[in-house]
Amino acid sequence: MLPTDPPPLSPGSGYDLVAQQLIPGYASLARLSVALIAASPRASSPGAAVLVAGCGTGAELLAAREQRPDWQLTALDPSSEMLAIARSRLGASTAIDWRCAAVEDLQGEPTFDGALSVLVLQSLPDDGHKLAFLTALAGSLRPGGQLVLVDLMRPAPSPLQGQMGGAWLGFQRSSGVEESAEALQQLAGGLHPIGLGRLTALVNAAGFSDPAVFFQALDVQGFLLQRRDDGSGPGGAAGGGAVVDPL
């Protein structure tokens, strides 16, 4: 992991400000992600049901409220502190179903027309947890439903990667981040980025199409995925649970 990988952000006030300092383009990422799902065949319908998985402090929820106030939103996060902050930012919105839970806790028939997951998968180890997360998301979507997935990615080997790392550090410095590269490296110890090939294998096994890139800022990338509508369902052909080597 590069010493300039962005560290996990602590719950609490200032989350979005810190994210803007660490991630180029973060300030517009929620609006872009919502606009992308809003243009999808299913979620473009009035009153569509949309899941925000790992809603954090509510950036995507705010963008959704502004762009599509008709959506029936479900805000999911395992952190009660994050949910409390998001609730306070959104106010008394009766159209949001707040759930303090993990995506893997979702059960029942597919109920969502679209979903967003921003900077969540990177925190899960690739020992079955990433696949379980993606499979649960696919299972929550109606066939043809789309997912916006944004995450820190492991870059492909390149002789220019050192320059990319230096650019990230320079961006952080110009944004007001004062921690040393060594301190950022220590903070980044809880992240588990993967490469595009590995992500493609995981999302296919979970029941999604190949990822289509819609955003990139250094090593942070955004992908549009669609749940397959081919009868296979989440988890592999005919629901048989395709095996993916966790390594």
Protein backbone atom coordinates (compact mmCIF):
# COMPACT_ATOMS: atom_id res chain seq x y z
CA MET A 1 0.00 0.00 0.00
CA LEU A 2 1.32 3.39 -0.90
CA PRO A 3 2.12 5.69 2.03
CA THR A 4 -0.29 8.21 0.55
CA ASP A 5 -3.35 5.95 0.58
CA PRO A 6 -6.16 7.83 2.35
CA PRO A 7 -6.69 6.69 5.95
CA PRO A 8 -9.93 5.34 7.32
CA LEU A 9 -12.05 8.29 8.35
CA SER A 10 -13.27 8.39 11.95
CA PRO A 11 -16.97 8.76 12.65
CA GLY A 12 -18.07 12.17 13.81
CA SER A 13 -18.23 15.73 12.70
CA GLY A 14 -15.86 16.80 9.95
CA TYR A 15 -16.00 13.46 8.11
CA ASP A 16 -16.90 14.98 4.75
CA LEU A 17 -14.39 17.81 5.12
CA VAL A 18 -11.59 15.32 5.80
CA ALA A 19 -12.71 13.20 2.85
CA GLN A 20 -12.55 16.26 0.59
CA GLN A 21 -8.99 16.90 1.77
CA LEU A 22 -7.92 13.34 1.04
CA ILE A 23 -9.86 12.41 -2.10
CA PRO A 24 -9.84 14.58 -5.25
CA GLY A 25 -13.35 15.20 -6.52
CA TYR A 26 -15.09 13.96 -3.36
CA ALA A 27 -17.21 17.12 -3.07
CA SER A 28 -19.09 16.27 -6.28
CA LEU A 29 -18.95 12.49 -6.00
CA ALA A 30 -22.27 12.09 -4.15
CA ARG A 31 -24.13 14.21 -6.72
CA LEU A 32 -22.57 12.30 -9.59
CA SER A 33 -23.32 8.91 -8.04
CA VAL A 34 -26.96 9.80 -7.43
CA ALA A 35 -27.36 11.25 -10.92
CA LEU A 36 -26.01 8.03 -12.40
CA ILE A 37 -28.47 5.81 -10.52
CA ALA A 38 -31.30 8.28 -11.25
CA ALA A 39 -30.67 7.76 -14.98
CA SER A 40 -30.90 3.96 -14.71
CA PRO A 41 -33.93 2.15 -16.19
CA ARG A 42 -35.33 1.01 -12.84
CA ALA A 43 -34.47 3.88 -10.50
CA SER A 44 -35.63 6.48 -13.01
CA SER A 45 -39.22 5.46 -12.25
CA PRO A 46 -41.20 7.67 -9.84
CA GLY A 47 -41.03 6.45 -6.25
CA ALA A 48 -38.17 4.03 -6.91
CA ALA A 49 -36.70 2.21 -3.90
CA VAL A 50 -33.00 2.99 -3.49
CA LEU A 51 -30.54 1.63 -0.93
CA VAL A 52 -27.58 3.64 0.40
CA ALA A 53 -25.30 0.94 1.81
CA GLY A 54 -22.89 2.40 4.34
CA CYS A 55 -24.59 5.79 4.33
CA GLY A 56 -22.02 7.35 6.66
CA THR A 57 -22.87 10.94 7.49
CA GLY A 58 -25.44 11.19 4.72
CA ALA A 59 -23.70 12.78 1.71
CA GLU A 60 -25.44 10.50 -0.81
CA LEU A 61 -28.76 10.84 1.04
CA LEU A 62 -28.59 14.63 0.80
CA ALA A 63 -27.82 14.44 -2.91
CA ALA A 64 -30.68 11.99 -3.43
CA ARG A 65 -33.11 14.24 -1.57
CA GLU A 66 -32.11 17.18 -3.79
CA GLN A 67 -32.27 15.31 -7.10
CA ARG A 68 -35.01 12.75 -6.47
CA PRO A 69 -37.26 13.67 -3.53
CA ASP A 70 -39.71 11.01 -4.73
CA TRP A 71 -37.33 8.13 -4.02
CA GLN A 72 -38.07 5.75 -1.16
CA LEU A 73 -34.65 5.66 0.50
CA THR A 74 -33.18 3.08 2.85
CA ALA A 75 -30.13 4.28 4.78
CA LEU A 76 -28.02 1.41 6.09
CA ASP A 77 -24.94 1.67 8.30
CA PRO A 78 -23.54 -0.53 11.09
CA SER A 79 -22.42 2.58 13.02
CA SER A 80 -25.11 4.15 15.19
CA GLU A 81 -22.96 7.29 15.46
CA MET A 82 -22.83 7.71 11.69
CA LEU A 83 -26.59 7.17 11.43
CA ALA A 84 -27.22 9.78 14.12
CA ILE A 85 -25.15 12.34 12.21
CA ALA A 86 -26.92 11.52 8.94
CA ARG A 87 -30.33 11.81 10.64
CA SER A 88 -29.44 15.24 12.01
CA ARG A 89 -28.35 16.44 8.56
CA LEU A 90 -31.46 15.12 6.80
CA GLY A 91 -33.94 16.34 9.39
CA ALA A 92 -37.32 14.74 9.94
CA SER A 93 -37.61 12.99 6.59
CA THR A 94 -40.37 10.39 6.65
CA ALA A 95 -39.29 8.92 3.32
CA ILE A 96 -36.08 7.42 4.71
CA ASP A 97 -35.94 3.99 6.35
CA TRP A 98 -33.04 4.15 8.81
CA ARG A 99 -31.37 0.85 9.67
CA CYS A 100 -28.41 0.28 11.97
CA ALA A 101 -27.22 -2.94 10.35
CA ALA A 102 -24.79 -4.45 7.87
CA VAL A 103 -25.67 -5.16 4.26
CA GLU A 104 -25.31 -8.86 4.97
CA ASP A 105 -28.24 -8.57 7.41
CA LEU A 106 -30.64 -7.78 4.56
CA GLN A 107 -33.02 -10.66 3.96
CA GLY A 108 -36.10 -11.40 1.95
CA GLU A 109 -37.05 -10.80 -1.65
CA PRO A 110 -35.17 -8.24 -3.78
CA THR A 111 -36.78 -4.89 -3.05
CA PHE A 112 -34.48 -2.18 -4.39
CA ASP A 113 -34.34 -0.59 -7.83
CA GLY A 114 -30.88 0.86 -7.27
CA ALA A 115 -28.13 1.09 -4.67
CA LEU A 116 -25.07 3.17 -3.78
CA SER A 117 -21.98 2.09 -1.87
CA VAL A 118 -19.31 4.75 -1.53
CA LEU A 119 -15.96 4.00 0.15
CA VAL A 120 -17.23 0.90 1.96
CA LEU A 121 -15.84 -2.19 0.23
CA GLN A 122 -12.25 -1.01 0.81
CA SER A 123 -12.67 -1.55 4.55
CA LEU A 124 -13.52 -5.25 4.17
CA PRO A 125 -10.78 -7.92 3.96
CA ASP A 126 -10.74 -10.07 0.85
CA ASP A 127 -11.21 -13.31 2.76
CA GLY A 128 -14.86 -13.84 1.88
CA HIS A 129 -16.13 -10.60 3.43
CA LYS A 130 -15.98 -8.62 0.17
CA LEU A 131 -17.82 -11.36 -1.72
CA ALA A 132 -20.45 -11.65 1.01
CA PHE A 133 -21.01 -7.88 0.92
CA LEU A 134 -21.37 -7.78 -2.87
CA THR A 135 -23.59 -10.88 -2.94
CA ALA A 136 -25.90 -9.33 -0.35
CA LEU A 137 -26.12 -6.15 -2.42
CA ALA A 138 -26.92 -8.11 -5.57
CA GLY A 139 -29.55 -10.08 -3.66
CA SER A 140 -31.21 -6.88 -2.47
CA LEU A 141 -31.63 -5.55 -6.02
CA ARG A 142 -34.38 -6.43 -8.42
CA PRO A 143 -33.05 -8.03 -11.64
CA GLY A 144 -31.63 -5.24 -13.79
CA GLY A 145 -31.14 -2.98 -10.77
CA GLN A 146 -27.90 -1.02 -10.74
CA LEU A 147 -25.23 -0.36 -8.11
CA VAL A 148 -22.82 2.55 -7.92
CA LEU A 149 -19.66 1.34 -6.20
CA VAL A 150 -16.85 3.77 -5.32
CA ASP A 151 -13.68 2.53 -3.68
CA LEU A 152 -9.97 2.88 -3.21
CA MET A 153 -8.35 0.51 -5.71
CA ARG A 154 -4.98 -1.15 -5.82
CA PRO A 155 -3.17 0.38 -8.80
CA ALA A 156 -1.71 -1.73 -11.57
CA PRO A 157 2.11 -1.94 -11.47
CA SER A 158 3.64 0.98 -13.32
CA PRO A 159 7.00 2.78 -13.28
CA LEU A 160 4.97 6.00 -12.92
CA GLN A 161 3.16 4.90 -9.77
CA GLY A 162 5.62 6.71 -7.54
CA GLN A 163 4.68 9.96 -9.26
CA MET A 164 0.99 9.20 -8.66
CA GLY A 165 1.70 8.68 -4.98
CA GLY A 166 3.57 11.96 -4.85
CA ALA A 167 0.68 13.74 -6.56
CA TRP A 168 -1.74 12.38 -3.97
CA LEU A 169 0.48 13.59 -1.17
CA GLY A 170 0.74 16.99 -2.84
CA PHE A 171 -3.04 17.20 -3.18
CA GLN A 172 -3.49 16.36 0.48
CA ARG A 173 -0.93 18.97 1.52
CA SER A 174 -2.59 21.67 -0.60
CA SER A 175 -5.94 20.70 0.96
CA GLY A 176 -4.67 21.32 4.48
CA VAL A 177 -3.65 17.82 5.58
CA GLU A 178 -0.61 18.16 7.82
CA GLU A 179 0.11 14.51 8.74
CA SER A 180 3.37 13.00 7.54
CA ALA A 181 3.42 10.28 4.89
CA GLU A 182 4.43 7.82 7.63
CA ALA A 183 1.41 8.81 9.74
CA LEU A 184 -0.91 8.38 6.76
CA GLN A 185 0.55 4.94 6.11
CA GLN A 186 -0.21 3.87 9.68
CA LEU A 187 -3.75 5.19 9.46
CA ALA A 188 -4.28 3.33 6.18
CA GLY A 189 -3.54 -0.03 7.77
CA GLY A 190 -7.23 -0.91 8.01
CA LEU A 191 -7.93 -0.63 4.29
CA HIS A 192 -7.99 -3.56 1.86
CA PRO A 193 -7.90 -2.28 -1.74
CA ILE A 194 -7.99 -4.75 -4.63
CA GLY A 195 -7.23 -4.50 -8.32
CA LEU A 196 -9.69 -4.29 -11.19
CA GLY A 197 -9.25 -7.93 -12.18
CA ARG A 198 -10.05 -9.12 -8.68
CA LEU A 199 -13.03 -6.77 -8.41
CA THR A 200 -14.40 -8.05 -11.72
CA ALA A 201 -14.16 -11.66 -10.51
CA LEU A 202 -15.93 -10.79 -7.24
CA VAL A 203 -18.79 -8.81 -8.77
CA ASN A 204 -19.37 -11.48 -11.41
CA ALA A 205 -19.52 -14.17 -8.73
CA ALA A 206 -21.91 -12.01 -6.71
CA GLY A 207 -24.33 -11.72 -9.65
CA PHE A 208 -23.33 -8.44 -11.29
CA SER A 209 -22.19 -7.52 -14.77
CA ASP A 210 -18.63 -6.41 -15.46
CA PRO A 211 -17.86 -3.07 -13.80
CA ALA A 212 -18.04 0.05 -15.98
CA VAL A 213 -15.79 2.91 -14.83
CA PHE A 214 -17.46 6.32 -14.46
CA PHE A 215 -15.05 8.09 -12.09
CA GLN A 216 -11.37 8.06 -11.25
CA ALA A 217 -9.24 10.34 -9.09
CA LEU A 218 -5.79 8.83 -8.68
CA ASP A 219 -6.48 5.44 -7.02
CA VAL A 220 -10.13 6.10 -6.10
CA GLN A 221 -12.46 4.72 -8.76
CA GLY A 222 -16.20 4.63 -9.29
CA PHE A 223 -17.97 1.78 -11.07
CA LEU A 224 -21.47 1.17 -12.36
CA LEU A 225 -22.69 -2.42 -11.96
CA GLN A 226 -25.95 -4.04 -12.97
CA ARG A 227 -27.52 -7.09 -11.42
CA ARG A 228 -27.75 -9.74 -14.10
CA ASP A 229 -31.19 -10.57 -15.39
CA ASP A 230 -30.24 -13.94 -16.84
CA GLY A 231 -31.83 -16.28 -14.32
CA SER A 232 -28.54 -16.99 -12.56
CA GLY A 233 -29.22 -14.76 -9.55
CA PRO A 234 -26.65 -13.69 -6.97
CA GLY A 235 -23.91 -16.14 -6.14
CA GLY A 236 -23.31 -17.79 -9.48
CA ALA A 237 -25.02 -19.72 -12.24
CA ALA A 238 -28.52 -20.88 -11.31
CA GLY A 239 -27.88 -19.59 -7.81
CA GLY A 240 -25.31 -22.36 -7.41
CA GLY A 241 -22.77 -20.28 -5.54
CA ALA A 242 -19.76 -19.81 -7.82
CA VAL A 243 -16.49 -20.45 -6.03
CA VAL A 244 -14.03 -17.55 -5.98
CA ASP A 245 -10.56 -18.02 -4.55
CA PRO A 246 -10.33 -15.43 -1.72
CA LEU A 247 -6.67 -14.93 -2.55
